[in-house]
Amino acid sequence: MGILNKLQADELFRCEAILIGRDDVLPVSKAVALFGEKAVSFAKDKEFKHWGAFGVGDFTTDYLNYTGFLAAVSYYNVEQMKVR
């Protein structure tokens, strides 16, 4: 996957997001597969608060909200620019 613009990022989020509670979110596992661990770690920085966790029974999943997703995309884009 190459560098994404806002329209492409929005489309990707719409295609990959799942509903948790009242919001569409991107599971961290999916975000890591798309953008890598470093991008997700950047998006999950505790200062941003753009991620959360939701559990049912003995299973909990971490997720990025839309703003966290955009932070991961931005990190990924900059990393891709370094490679060029």
C-alpha atoms as a PDB file:
ATOM      1  CA  MET A   1       0.000   0.000   0.000  1.00  0.00           C
ATOM      2  CA  GLY A   2       1.323   3.430  -0.879  1.00  0.00           C
ATOM      3  CA  ILE A   3       0.893   6.843   0.687  1.00  0.00           C
ATOM      4  CA  LEU A   4      -2.747   7.652   1.384  1.00  0.00           C
ATOM      5  CA  ASN A   5      -4.553  10.958   1.025  1.00  0.00           C
ATOM      6  CA  LYS A   6      -7.574  11.872   3.182  1.00  0.00           C
ATOM      7  CA  LEU A   7     -10.129  10.519   0.712  1.00  0.00           C
ATOM      8  CA  GLN A   8      -8.296   7.191   0.458  1.00  0.00           C
ATOM      9  CA  ALA A   9      -7.888   7.016   4.238  1.00  0.00           C
ATOM     10  CA  ASP A  10     -11.606   7.692   4.738  1.00  0.00           C
ATOM     11  CA  GLU A  11     -12.508   4.946   2.263  1.00  0.00           C
ATOM     12  CA  LEU A  12     -10.145   2.490   3.950  1.00  0.00           C
ATOM     13  CA  PHE A  13     -11.609   3.300   7.365  1.00  0.00           C
ATOM     14  CA  ARG A  14     -15.161   2.813   6.069  1.00  0.00           C
ATOM     15  CA  CYS A  15     -14.205  -0.554   4.589  1.00  0.00           C
ATOM     16  CA  GLU A  16     -12.250  -1.898   7.571  1.00  0.00           C
ATOM     17  CA  ALA A  17     -14.065  -0.413  10.587  1.00  0.00           C
ATOM     18  CA  ILE A  18     -16.323  -2.349  12.923  1.00  0.00           C
ATOM     19  CA  LEU A  19     -19.002  -1.088  15.287  1.00  0.00           C
ATOM     20  CA  ILE A  20     -18.049  -1.013  18.968  1.00  0.00           C
ATOM     21  CA  GLY A  21     -20.586   0.667  21.212  1.00  0.00           C
ATOM     22  CA  ARG A  22     -21.871   3.671  19.250  1.00  0.00           C
ATOM     23  CA  ASP A  23     -18.842   4.271  17.038  1.00  0.00           C
ATOM     24  CA  ASP A  24     -17.047   2.719  14.120  1.00  0.00           C
ATOM     25  CA  VAL A  25     -13.500   1.817  15.148  1.00  0.00           C
ATOM     26  CA  LEU A  26     -10.547  -0.094  13.752  1.00  0.00           C
ATOM     27  CA  PRO A  27      -9.292  -3.076  15.758  1.00  0.00           C
ATOM     28  CA  VAL A  28      -5.637  -2.648  16.684  1.00  0.00           C
ATOM     29  CA  SER A  29      -4.836  -6.012  15.118  1.00  0.00           C
ATOM     30  CA  LYS A  30      -6.129  -4.733  11.768  1.00  0.00           C
ATOM     31  CA  ALA A  31      -4.306  -1.406  12.165  1.00  0.00           C
ATOM     32  CA  VAL A  32      -1.031  -3.244  12.826  1.00  0.00           C
ATOM     33  CA  ALA A  33      -1.560  -5.384   9.727  1.00  0.00           C
ATOM     34  CA  LEU A  34      -2.174  -2.270   7.613  1.00  0.00           C
ATOM     35  CA  PHE A  35       0.328   0.214   9.053  1.00  0.00           C
ATOM     36  CA  GLY A  36       2.735  -1.639  11.365  1.00  0.00           C
ATOM     37  CA  GLU A  37       3.448  -1.649  15.090  1.00  0.00           C
ATOM     38  CA  LYS A  38       5.216   1.735  15.177  1.00  0.00           C
ATOM     39  CA  ALA A  39       2.307   3.565  13.560  1.00  0.00           C
ATOM     40  CA  VAL A  40      -0.154   2.011  16.003  1.00  0.00           C
ATOM     41  CA  SER A  41       2.087   2.739  18.997  1.00  0.00           C
ATOM     42  CA  PHE A  42       2.239   6.355  17.836  1.00  0.00           C
ATOM     43  CA  ALA A  43      -1.561   6.502  17.549  1.00  0.00           C
ATOM     44  CA  LYS A  44      -1.997   4.896  20.987  1.00  0.00           C
ATOM     45  CA  ASP A  45       0.229   7.454  22.706  1.00  0.00           C
ATOM     46  CA  LYS A  46      -1.455   8.220  26.024  1.00  0.00           C
ATOM     47  CA  GLU A  47      -1.474  11.947  25.315  1.00  0.00           C
ATOM     48  CA  PHE A  48      -3.775  11.483  22.318  1.00  0.00           C
ATOM     49  CA  LYS A  49      -6.424   9.201  23.888  1.00  0.00           C
ATOM     50  CA  HIS A  50      -7.561   8.062  20.457  1.00  0.00           C
ATOM     51  CA  TRP A  51      -7.905   4.407  21.340  1.00  0.00           C
ATOM     52  CA  GLY A  52      -9.841   2.206  23.693  1.00  0.00           C
ATOM     53  CA  ALA A  53     -10.705  -1.341  24.615  1.00  0.00           C
ATOM     54  CA  PHE A  54     -13.979  -3.220  24.707  1.00  0.00           C
ATOM     55  CA  GLY A  55     -14.579  -6.537  26.343  1.00  0.00           C
ATOM     56  CA  VAL A  56     -17.256  -9.179  26.419  1.00  0.00           C
ATOM     57  CA  GLY A  57     -16.811 -12.072  28.812  1.00  0.00           C
ATOM     58  CA  ASP A  58     -13.191 -13.164  28.817  1.00  0.00           C
ATOM     59  CA  PHE A  59     -12.239 -11.407  25.549  1.00  0.00           C
ATOM     60  CA  THR A  60     -11.156  -7.784  25.173  1.00  0.00           C
ATOM     61  CA  THR A  61     -10.099  -6.066  21.986  1.00  0.00           C
ATOM     62  CA  ASP A  62      -8.135  -2.835  21.652  1.00  0.00           C
ATOM     63  CA  TYR A  63      -9.172  -0.421  18.929  1.00  0.00           C
ATOM     64  CA  LEU A  64      -8.351   2.943  17.381  1.00  0.00           C
ATOM     65  CA  ASN A  65     -11.082   5.501  16.952  1.00  0.00           C
ATOM     66  CA  TYR A  66     -11.241   7.512  13.736  1.00  0.00           C
ATOM     67  CA  THR A  67      -8.778  10.135  14.963  1.00  0.00           C
ATOM     68  CA  GLY A  68      -6.374   7.420  16.094  1.00  0.00           C
ATOM     69  CA  PHE A  69      -6.717   5.758  12.712  1.00  0.00           C
ATOM     70  CA  LEU A  70      -5.771   9.034  11.005  1.00  0.00           C
ATOM     71  CA  ALA A  71      -2.769   9.381  13.331  1.00  0.00           C
ATOM     72  CA  ALA A  72      -1.616   5.880  12.325  1.00  0.00           C
ATOM     73  CA  VAL A  73      -2.102   6.712   8.638  1.00  0.00           C
ATOM     74  CA  SER A  74      -0.114   9.920   9.061  1.00  0.00           C
ATOM     75  CA  TYR A  75       2.757   8.092  10.748  1.00  0.00           C
ATOM     76  CA  TYR A  76       2.672   5.440   8.019  1.00  0.00           C
ATOM     77  CA  ASN A  77       2.690   8.112   5.289  1.00  0.00           C
ATOM     78  CA  VAL A  78       5.762   9.822   6.743  1.00  0.00           C
ATOM     79  CA  GLU A  79       7.550   6.478   7.039  1.00  0.00           C
ATOM     80  CA  GLN A  80       6.707   5.761   3.389  1.00  0.00           C
ATOM     81  CA  MET A  81       8.097   9.143   2.357  1.00  0.00           C
ATOM     82  CA  LYS A  82      11.430   8.289   4.037  1.00  0.00           C
ATOM     83  CA  VAL A  83      11.695   5.167   1.879  1.00  0.00           C
ATOM     84  CA  ARG A  84      11.306   7.077  -1.394  1.00  0.00           C
END
